[in-house]
N, C-alpha and C. Protein backbone atom coordinates (compact mmCIF):
# COMPACT_ATOMS: atom_id res chain seq x y z
N MET A 1 -19.00 30.91 -8.29
CA MET A 1 -18.19 30.86 -7.09
C MET A 1 -17.17 29.72 -7.24
N PRO A 2 -15.89 30.00 -6.96
CA PRO A 2 -14.89 28.94 -7.10
C PRO A 2 -15.10 27.85 -6.06
N ALA A 3 -14.67 26.65 -6.41
CA ALA A 3 -14.78 25.53 -5.48
C ALA A 3 -13.90 25.79 -4.26
N PRO A 4 -14.36 25.41 -3.07
CA PRO A 4 -13.55 25.60 -1.87
C PRO A 4 -12.27 24.75 -1.94
N ARG A 5 -11.21 25.29 -1.36
CA ARG A 5 -9.93 24.59 -1.25
C ARG A 5 -9.88 23.93 0.12
N VAL A 6 -9.51 22.66 0.16
CA VAL A 6 -9.58 21.87 1.39
C VAL A 6 -8.33 21.01 1.54
N THR A 7 -7.92 20.81 2.78
CA THR A 7 -6.94 19.78 3.12
C THR A 7 -7.63 18.80 4.07
N LEU A 8 -7.37 17.52 3.89
CA LEU A 8 -7.96 16.48 4.74
C LEU A 8 -6.90 15.86 5.62
N ASP A 9 -7.27 15.59 6.86
CA ASP A 9 -6.33 14.89 7.73
C ASP A 9 -6.31 13.41 7.38
N THR A 10 -5.33 12.73 7.89
CA THR A 10 -5.09 11.33 7.55
C THR A 10 -6.28 10.44 7.89
N MET A 11 -6.87 10.65 9.04
CA MET A 11 -7.97 9.78 9.45
C MET A 11 -9.23 10.02 8.62
N ALA A 12 -9.39 11.19 8.02
CA ALA A 12 -10.51 11.41 7.11
C ALA A 12 -10.37 10.51 5.89
N VAL A 13 -9.14 10.29 5.45
CA VAL A 13 -8.88 9.41 4.31
C VAL A 13 -9.09 7.95 4.72
N VAL A 14 -8.61 7.58 5.89
CA VAL A 14 -8.83 6.20 6.38
C VAL A 14 -10.34 5.95 6.52
N GLN A 15 -11.05 6.92 7.06
CA GLN A 15 -12.50 6.80 7.22
C GLN A 15 -13.16 6.54 5.87
N HIS A 16 -12.68 7.19 4.84
CA HIS A 16 -13.22 6.99 3.49
C HIS A 16 -13.14 5.52 3.10
N LEU A 17 -12.01 4.91 3.36
CA LEU A 17 -11.83 3.51 2.97
C LEU A 17 -12.63 2.56 3.86
N LEU A 18 -12.89 2.97 5.09
CA LEU A 18 -13.65 2.11 6.00
C LEU A 18 -15.16 2.24 5.81
N ARG A 19 -15.62 3.33 5.23
CA ARG A 19 -17.06 3.58 5.10
C ARG A 19 -17.49 3.48 3.65
N ARG A 20 -17.16 2.41 3.01
CA ARG A 20 -17.43 2.29 1.58
C ARG A 20 -18.91 2.16 1.23
N ARG A 21 -19.77 1.94 2.20
CA ARG A 21 -21.18 1.77 1.88
C ARG A 21 -21.93 3.10 1.78
N GLU A 22 -21.30 4.19 2.15
CA GLU A 22 -21.94 5.49 2.08
C GLU A 22 -20.91 6.51 1.59
N PRO A 23 -21.37 7.58 0.96
CA PRO A 23 -20.42 8.57 0.44
C PRO A 23 -19.60 9.22 1.56
N THR A 24 -18.37 9.55 1.25
CA THR A 24 -17.48 10.21 2.20
C THR A 24 -16.98 11.51 1.59
N VAL A 25 -16.26 12.27 2.38
CA VAL A 25 -15.67 13.52 1.89
C VAL A 25 -14.81 13.25 0.66
N VAL A 26 -14.04 12.17 0.68
CA VAL A 26 -13.16 11.85 -0.45
C VAL A 26 -13.97 11.61 -1.72
N ASP A 27 -15.13 10.94 -1.60
CA ASP A 27 -15.98 10.73 -2.78
C ASP A 27 -16.41 12.06 -3.39
N TYR A 28 -16.80 13.01 -2.53
CA TYR A 28 -17.25 14.31 -3.04
C TYR A 28 -16.11 15.08 -3.70
N TRP A 29 -14.89 14.80 -3.31
CA TRP A 29 -13.74 15.43 -3.95
C TRP A 29 -13.42 14.74 -5.28
N ILE A 30 -13.12 13.44 -5.23
CA ILE A 30 -12.62 12.74 -6.41
C ILE A 30 -13.73 12.51 -7.44
N GLU A 31 -14.89 12.05 -7.00
CA GLU A 31 -15.93 11.67 -7.95
C GLU A 31 -16.80 12.84 -8.40
N HIS A 32 -16.98 13.83 -7.55
CA HIS A 32 -17.92 14.91 -7.87
C HIS A 32 -17.26 16.27 -8.04
N GLY A 33 -16.00 16.42 -7.63
CA GLY A 33 -15.28 17.68 -7.81
C GLY A 33 -15.91 18.86 -7.11
N LEU A 34 -16.56 18.63 -5.97
CA LEU A 34 -17.24 19.71 -5.26
C LEU A 34 -16.29 20.61 -4.49
N PHE A 35 -15.07 20.17 -4.31
CA PHE A 35 -14.06 21.02 -3.70
C PHE A 35 -12.71 20.65 -4.26
N GLU A 36 -11.75 21.52 -4.07
CA GLU A 36 -10.40 21.29 -4.55
C GLU A 36 -9.54 20.88 -3.38
N ILE A 37 -8.77 19.84 -3.57
CA ILE A 37 -7.91 19.35 -2.49
C ILE A 37 -6.51 19.93 -2.67
N VAL A 38 -5.93 20.32 -1.56
CA VAL A 38 -4.55 20.78 -1.53
C VAL A 38 -3.77 19.75 -0.73
N CYS A 39 -2.71 19.22 -1.32
CA CYS A 39 -1.90 18.18 -0.70
C CYS A 39 -0.43 18.58 -0.68
N SER A 40 0.35 17.74 -0.08
CA SER A 40 1.81 17.84 -0.13
C SER A 40 2.35 16.42 -0.22
N GLU A 41 3.57 16.30 -0.72
CA GLU A 41 4.17 14.97 -0.75
C GLU A 41 4.28 14.40 0.66
N ALA A 42 4.58 15.27 1.63
CA ALA A 42 4.67 14.81 3.03
C ALA A 42 3.32 14.30 3.53
N LEU A 43 2.24 14.96 3.14
CA LEU A 43 0.91 14.52 3.55
C LEU A 43 0.56 13.19 2.91
N LEU A 44 0.85 13.04 1.62
CA LEU A 44 0.58 11.77 0.96
C LEU A 44 1.40 10.65 1.57
N ALA A 45 2.62 10.93 1.98
CA ALA A 45 3.45 9.92 2.65
C ALA A 45 2.82 9.54 3.99
N GLU A 46 2.25 10.51 4.69
CA GLU A 46 1.57 10.22 5.96
C GLU A 46 0.33 9.37 5.72
N TRP A 47 -0.43 9.69 4.69
CA TRP A 47 -1.60 8.87 4.35
C TRP A 47 -1.18 7.45 4.04
N GLU A 48 -0.11 7.30 3.26
CA GLU A 48 0.37 5.96 2.91
C GLU A 48 0.81 5.20 4.16
N ARG A 49 1.56 5.86 5.03
CA ARG A 49 2.02 5.21 6.26
C ARG A 49 0.84 4.68 7.07
N LYS A 50 -0.20 5.49 7.19
CA LYS A 50 -1.35 5.08 7.99
C LYS A 50 -2.16 4.00 7.29
N LEU A 51 -2.34 4.11 5.99
CA LEU A 51 -3.12 3.12 5.26
C LEU A 51 -2.46 1.75 5.24
N LEU A 52 -1.12 1.73 5.34
CA LEU A 52 -0.40 0.45 5.35
C LEU A 52 -0.08 -0.02 6.78
N ASP A 53 -0.47 0.75 7.77
CA ASP A 53 -0.24 0.38 9.17
C ASP A 53 -1.01 -0.90 9.48
N PRO A 54 -0.33 -1.93 10.01
CA PRO A 54 -1.01 -3.19 10.31
C PRO A 54 -2.22 -3.03 11.25
N ARG A 55 -2.16 -2.09 12.17
CA ARG A 55 -3.31 -1.89 13.08
C ARG A 55 -4.53 -1.38 12.33
N VAL A 56 -4.34 -0.47 11.41
CA VAL A 56 -5.45 0.05 10.61
C VAL A 56 -5.99 -1.05 9.71
N ARG A 57 -5.10 -1.83 9.14
CA ARG A 57 -5.53 -2.91 8.24
C ARG A 57 -6.28 -4.00 8.99
N ARG A 58 -5.86 -4.28 10.22
CA ARG A 58 -6.60 -5.26 11.04
C ARG A 58 -8.00 -4.75 11.37
N GLN A 59 -8.09 -3.46 11.69
CA GLN A 59 -9.39 -2.85 11.98
C GLN A 59 -10.30 -2.94 10.75
N ALA A 60 -9.75 -2.65 9.58
CA ALA A 60 -10.53 -2.73 8.34
C ALA A 60 -10.98 -4.15 8.07
N ALA A 61 -10.11 -5.11 8.33
CA ALA A 61 -10.44 -6.51 8.08
C ALA A 61 -11.64 -6.97 8.92
N LYS A 62 -11.84 -6.36 10.08
CA LYS A 62 -13.00 -6.70 10.92
C LYS A 62 -14.30 -6.42 10.18
N TYR A 63 -14.26 -5.48 9.25
CA TYR A 63 -15.43 -5.11 8.46
C TYR A 63 -15.36 -5.72 7.06
N ASP A 64 -14.46 -6.70 6.91
CA ASP A 64 -14.26 -7.37 5.64
C ASP A 64 -13.83 -6.39 4.55
N ILE A 65 -13.02 -5.41 4.95
CA ILE A 65 -12.49 -4.42 4.01
C ILE A 65 -10.98 -4.61 3.97
N ARG A 66 -10.48 -4.80 2.77
CA ARG A 66 -9.04 -5.00 2.61
C ARG A 66 -8.57 -4.19 1.42
N TRP A 67 -7.34 -3.70 1.52
CA TRP A 67 -6.73 -3.01 0.40
C TRP A 67 -5.27 -3.43 0.33
N SER A 68 -4.80 -3.60 -0.87
CA SER A 68 -3.42 -4.03 -1.10
C SER A 68 -2.50 -2.82 -1.17
N GLU A 69 -1.20 -3.10 -1.12
CA GLU A 69 -0.23 -2.01 -1.29
C GLU A 69 -0.41 -1.36 -2.66
N GLU A 70 -0.73 -2.17 -3.66
CA GLU A 70 -0.94 -1.63 -5.01
C GLU A 70 -2.17 -0.72 -5.05
N GLN A 71 -3.25 -1.10 -4.35
CA GLN A 71 -4.44 -0.25 -4.31
C GLN A 71 -4.14 1.08 -3.59
N VAL A 72 -3.36 1.02 -2.53
CA VAL A 72 -2.97 2.25 -1.83
C VAL A 72 -2.15 3.13 -2.76
N ALA A 73 -1.19 2.53 -3.48
CA ALA A 73 -0.37 3.30 -4.42
C ALA A 73 -1.24 3.92 -5.51
N ASP A 74 -2.22 3.17 -6.02
CA ASP A 74 -3.12 3.71 -7.05
C ASP A 74 -3.94 4.88 -6.49
N PHE A 75 -4.44 4.72 -5.27
CA PHE A 75 -5.22 5.78 -4.63
C PHE A 75 -4.37 7.05 -4.47
N LEU A 76 -3.14 6.89 -4.02
CA LEU A 76 -2.26 8.05 -3.83
C LEU A 76 -1.90 8.71 -5.16
N ARG A 77 -1.74 7.91 -6.21
CA ARG A 77 -1.50 8.48 -7.55
C ARG A 77 -2.71 9.32 -7.98
N LEU A 78 -3.91 8.80 -7.73
CA LEU A 78 -5.12 9.53 -8.06
C LEU A 78 -5.20 10.83 -7.27
N CYS A 79 -4.83 10.78 -6.00
CA CYS A 79 -4.82 11.98 -5.17
C CYS A 79 -3.85 13.01 -5.73
N ARG A 80 -2.68 12.55 -6.12
CA ARG A 80 -1.65 13.44 -6.66
C ARG A 80 -2.14 14.10 -7.96
N ILE A 81 -2.80 13.33 -8.80
CA ILE A 81 -3.29 13.83 -10.08
C ILE A 81 -4.44 14.82 -9.89
N THR A 82 -5.33 14.53 -8.96
CA THR A 82 -6.53 15.35 -8.81
C THR A 82 -6.35 16.52 -7.85
N ALA A 83 -5.25 16.56 -7.12
CA ALA A 83 -5.01 17.70 -6.23
C ALA A 83 -4.86 18.96 -7.06
N VAL A 84 -5.49 20.04 -6.61
CA VAL A 84 -5.40 21.31 -7.33
C VAL A 84 -4.01 21.93 -7.15
N GLU A 85 -3.37 21.58 -6.01
CA GLU A 85 -2.05 22.13 -5.75
C GLU A 85 -1.30 21.20 -4.81
N MET A 86 -0.01 21.02 -5.10
CA MET A 86 0.89 20.29 -4.22
C MET A 86 1.82 21.35 -3.61
N VAL A 87 1.83 21.44 -2.28
CA VAL A 87 2.59 22.50 -1.60
C VAL A 87 3.67 21.87 -0.72
N VAL A 88 4.56 22.70 -0.25
CA VAL A 88 5.53 22.31 0.77
C VAL A 88 4.94 22.81 2.09
N PRO A 89 4.72 21.91 3.05
CA PRO A 89 4.07 22.33 4.30
C PRO A 89 4.83 23.45 5.01
N THR A 90 4.06 24.39 5.54
CA THR A 90 4.62 25.47 6.34
C THR A 90 5.03 24.89 7.69
N PRO A 91 6.23 25.21 8.18
CA PRO A 91 6.59 24.75 9.53
C PRO A 91 5.60 25.34 10.55
N VAL A 92 5.17 24.52 11.48
CA VAL A 92 4.22 24.99 12.49
C VAL A 92 4.88 25.00 13.86
N PRO A 93 4.44 25.92 14.72
CA PRO A 93 5.01 25.94 16.08
C PRO A 93 4.67 24.66 16.81
N ASN A 94 5.47 24.32 17.77
CA ASN A 94 5.21 23.12 18.56
C ASN A 94 3.90 23.31 19.32
N ALA A 95 2.89 22.63 18.86
CA ALA A 95 1.56 22.75 19.46
C ALA A 95 1.16 21.44 20.11
N GLY A 96 2.14 20.61 20.42
CA GLY A 96 1.84 19.31 21.03
C GLY A 96 1.22 18.32 20.06
N LEU A 97 1.47 18.52 18.77
CA LEU A 97 0.91 17.64 17.74
C LEU A 97 1.88 16.52 17.40
N GLN A 98 1.32 15.39 16.98
CA GLN A 98 2.14 14.33 16.43
C GLN A 98 2.67 14.82 15.08
N ALA A 99 3.75 14.21 14.62
CA ALA A 99 4.38 14.65 13.37
C ALA A 99 3.39 14.65 12.21
N GLY A 100 2.57 13.62 12.09
CA GLY A 100 1.60 13.54 11.00
C GLY A 100 0.59 14.67 11.05
N ASP A 101 0.14 15.02 12.26
CA ASP A 101 -0.83 16.12 12.40
C ASP A 101 -0.17 17.45 12.07
N ALA A 102 1.10 17.61 12.42
CA ALA A 102 1.82 18.84 12.07
C ALA A 102 1.94 18.96 10.54
N THR A 103 2.10 17.84 9.86
CA THR A 103 2.16 17.84 8.39
C THR A 103 0.83 18.28 7.80
N VAL A 104 -0.27 17.76 8.36
CA VAL A 104 -1.60 18.15 7.88
C VAL A 104 -1.80 19.66 8.06
N LEU A 105 -1.50 20.15 9.27
CA LEU A 105 -1.67 21.57 9.57
C LEU A 105 -0.78 22.43 8.67
N GLY A 106 0.48 22.03 8.51
CA GLY A 106 1.41 22.78 7.66
C GLY A 106 0.98 22.80 6.20
N THR A 107 0.39 21.71 5.73
CA THR A 107 -0.12 21.65 4.36
C THR A 107 -1.30 22.61 4.19
N ALA A 108 -2.21 22.60 5.15
CA ALA A 108 -3.37 23.50 5.09
C ALA A 108 -2.92 24.96 5.08
N LEU A 109 -1.97 25.30 5.92
CA LEU A 109 -1.48 26.68 5.99
C LEU A 109 -0.79 27.09 4.69
N ALA A 110 0.09 26.22 4.19
CA ALA A 110 0.82 26.53 2.95
C ALA A 110 -0.12 26.67 1.76
N GLY A 111 -1.19 25.87 1.76
CA GLY A 111 -2.14 25.90 0.65
C GLY A 111 -3.19 26.97 0.75
N LYS A 112 -3.17 27.71 1.87
CA LYS A 112 -4.17 28.78 2.06
C LYS A 112 -5.57 28.26 1.76
N VAL A 113 -5.89 27.12 2.39
CA VAL A 113 -7.17 26.47 2.13
C VAL A 113 -8.32 27.19 2.85
N ASP A 114 -9.52 26.88 2.42
CA ASP A 114 -10.72 27.41 3.07
C ASP A 114 -11.08 26.59 4.31
N ALA A 115 -10.76 25.28 4.26
CA ALA A 115 -11.15 24.41 5.37
C ALA A 115 -10.17 23.26 5.53
N LEU A 116 -10.07 22.81 6.76
CA LEU A 116 -9.32 21.61 7.11
C LEU A 116 -10.33 20.62 7.65
N GLY A 117 -10.45 19.48 6.97
CA GLY A 117 -11.37 18.43 7.39
C GLY A 117 -10.65 17.42 8.26
N SER A 118 -11.14 17.26 9.48
CA SER A 118 -10.47 16.40 10.45
C SER A 118 -11.45 15.40 11.05
N TRP A 119 -11.08 14.13 11.03
CA TRP A 119 -11.95 13.09 11.57
C TRP A 119 -11.85 13.00 13.08
N ASP A 120 -10.66 13.23 13.61
CA ASP A 120 -10.48 13.07 15.05
C ASP A 120 -10.45 14.41 15.76
N ASN A 121 -10.28 14.37 17.06
CA ASN A 121 -10.34 15.59 17.87
C ASN A 121 -8.98 16.21 18.16
N ASP A 122 -7.90 15.67 17.59
CA ASP A 122 -6.57 16.20 17.88
C ASP A 122 -6.47 17.69 17.57
N PHE A 123 -7.10 18.11 16.51
CA PHE A 123 -7.06 19.52 16.14
C PHE A 123 -8.09 20.32 16.94
N HIS A 124 -9.28 19.80 17.04
CA HIS A 124 -10.39 20.53 17.66
C HIS A 124 -10.16 20.84 19.14
N LYS A 125 -9.44 19.96 19.82
CA LYS A 125 -9.20 20.14 21.25
C LYS A 125 -7.91 20.90 21.56
N ASN A 126 -7.18 21.29 20.53
CA ASN A 126 -5.90 21.95 20.71
C ASN A 126 -6.07 23.45 20.47
N ALA A 127 -6.03 24.22 21.56
CA ALA A 127 -6.27 25.68 21.49
C ALA A 127 -5.27 26.38 20.57
N VAL A 128 -4.02 25.93 20.56
CA VAL A 128 -3.01 26.55 19.70
C VAL A 128 -3.37 26.34 18.23
N VAL A 129 -3.77 25.14 17.88
CA VAL A 129 -4.14 24.83 16.50
C VAL A 129 -5.37 25.64 16.10
N VAL A 130 -6.38 25.69 16.96
CA VAL A 130 -7.59 26.45 16.67
C VAL A 130 -7.24 27.92 16.43
N GLU A 131 -6.34 28.46 17.24
CA GLU A 131 -5.93 29.86 17.08
C GLU A 131 -5.17 30.07 15.77
N ILE A 132 -4.24 29.16 15.46
CA ILE A 132 -3.46 29.27 14.21
C ILE A 132 -4.39 29.25 13.01
N LEU A 133 -5.31 28.30 12.99
CA LEU A 133 -6.23 28.19 11.86
C LEU A 133 -7.15 29.41 11.78
N GLY A 134 -7.62 29.88 12.93
CA GLY A 134 -8.48 31.06 12.96
C GLY A 134 -7.79 32.28 12.38
N LYS A 135 -6.53 32.49 12.78
CA LYS A 135 -5.77 33.64 12.27
C LYS A 135 -5.55 33.52 10.76
N ALA A 136 -5.46 32.29 10.28
CA ALA A 136 -5.25 32.08 8.84
C ALA A 136 -6.57 32.09 8.06
N GLY A 137 -7.68 32.18 8.76
CA GLY A 137 -8.98 32.19 8.09
C GLY A 137 -9.40 30.83 7.57
N ILE A 138 -8.88 29.76 8.20
CA ILE A 138 -9.18 28.40 7.77
C ILE A 138 -10.23 27.80 8.72
N ARG A 139 -11.32 27.33 8.14
CA ARG A 139 -12.36 26.67 8.94
C ARG A 139 -11.87 25.29 9.35
N LEU A 140 -12.07 24.94 10.61
CA LEU A 140 -11.75 23.60 11.11
C LEU A 140 -13.06 22.85 11.24
N LEU A 141 -13.21 21.81 10.43
CA LEU A 141 -14.47 21.07 10.39
C LEU A 141 -14.23 19.59 10.66
N THR A 142 -15.14 18.98 11.41
CA THR A 142 -15.12 17.52 11.49
C THR A 142 -15.53 17.00 10.12
N THR A 143 -15.32 15.72 9.87
CA THR A 143 -15.72 15.19 8.57
C THR A 143 -17.24 15.25 8.41
N ASP A 144 -18.00 15.08 9.50
CA ASP A 144 -19.46 15.19 9.41
C ASP A 144 -19.86 16.63 9.07
N GLU A 145 -19.22 17.61 9.71
CA GLU A 145 -19.49 19.02 9.38
C GLU A 145 -19.11 19.32 7.94
N MET A 146 -18.01 18.74 7.50
CA MET A 146 -17.56 18.96 6.13
C MET A 146 -18.57 18.37 5.15
N MET A 147 -19.11 17.19 5.46
CA MET A 147 -20.11 16.57 4.59
C MET A 147 -21.34 17.47 4.48
N ARG A 148 -21.80 18.05 5.59
CA ARG A 148 -22.95 18.95 5.55
C ARG A 148 -22.62 20.19 4.71
N TRP A 149 -21.43 20.73 4.90
CA TRP A 149 -21.00 21.91 4.16
C TRP A 149 -20.95 21.61 2.65
N ILE A 150 -20.35 20.48 2.30
CA ILE A 150 -20.23 20.10 0.89
C ILE A 150 -21.60 19.88 0.26
N ARG A 151 -22.48 19.18 1.00
CA ARG A 151 -23.82 18.95 0.47
C ARG A 151 -24.57 20.26 0.25
N SER A 152 -24.27 21.27 1.07
CA SER A 152 -24.93 22.57 0.89
C SER A 152 -24.49 23.25 -0.40
N LEU A 153 -23.38 22.80 -0.96
CA LEU A 153 -22.87 23.37 -2.20
C LEU A 153 -23.56 22.77 -3.43
N LEU A 154 -24.26 21.67 -3.23
CA LEU A 154 -24.92 20.99 -4.36
C LEU A 154 -26.05 21.82 -4.94
């Protein structure tokens, strides 16, 4: 059976860096290859913007977690190298999403992924997004649901 194709939202990636004491979805992708990630340059730019956001960095510092601009650049290079496909995001209808969330959704649609892993509720609580993903046959999973799904593949 081929590995599932997945797109991760920005906060799933931030969560990975904040939860270094336990495995995250990103670990199962990069270190174990249990699924294939589909990205876009726009999505990687959104990840970079959020990872370098002073508010996110202050939050991380509360847990004695710090990352430099160089570490972020290295992480994004690794993401680019290990992504199974780099796509151009599909334009999405105005669903009341922030620009970054629209990029995540557009990347998932363009990549014809099996699942979209989302840490926050922006997607889950948006009926338009749920309908769009359902019509495309894309599972919408929280990162905890995604971890259970990935572990079931072991």
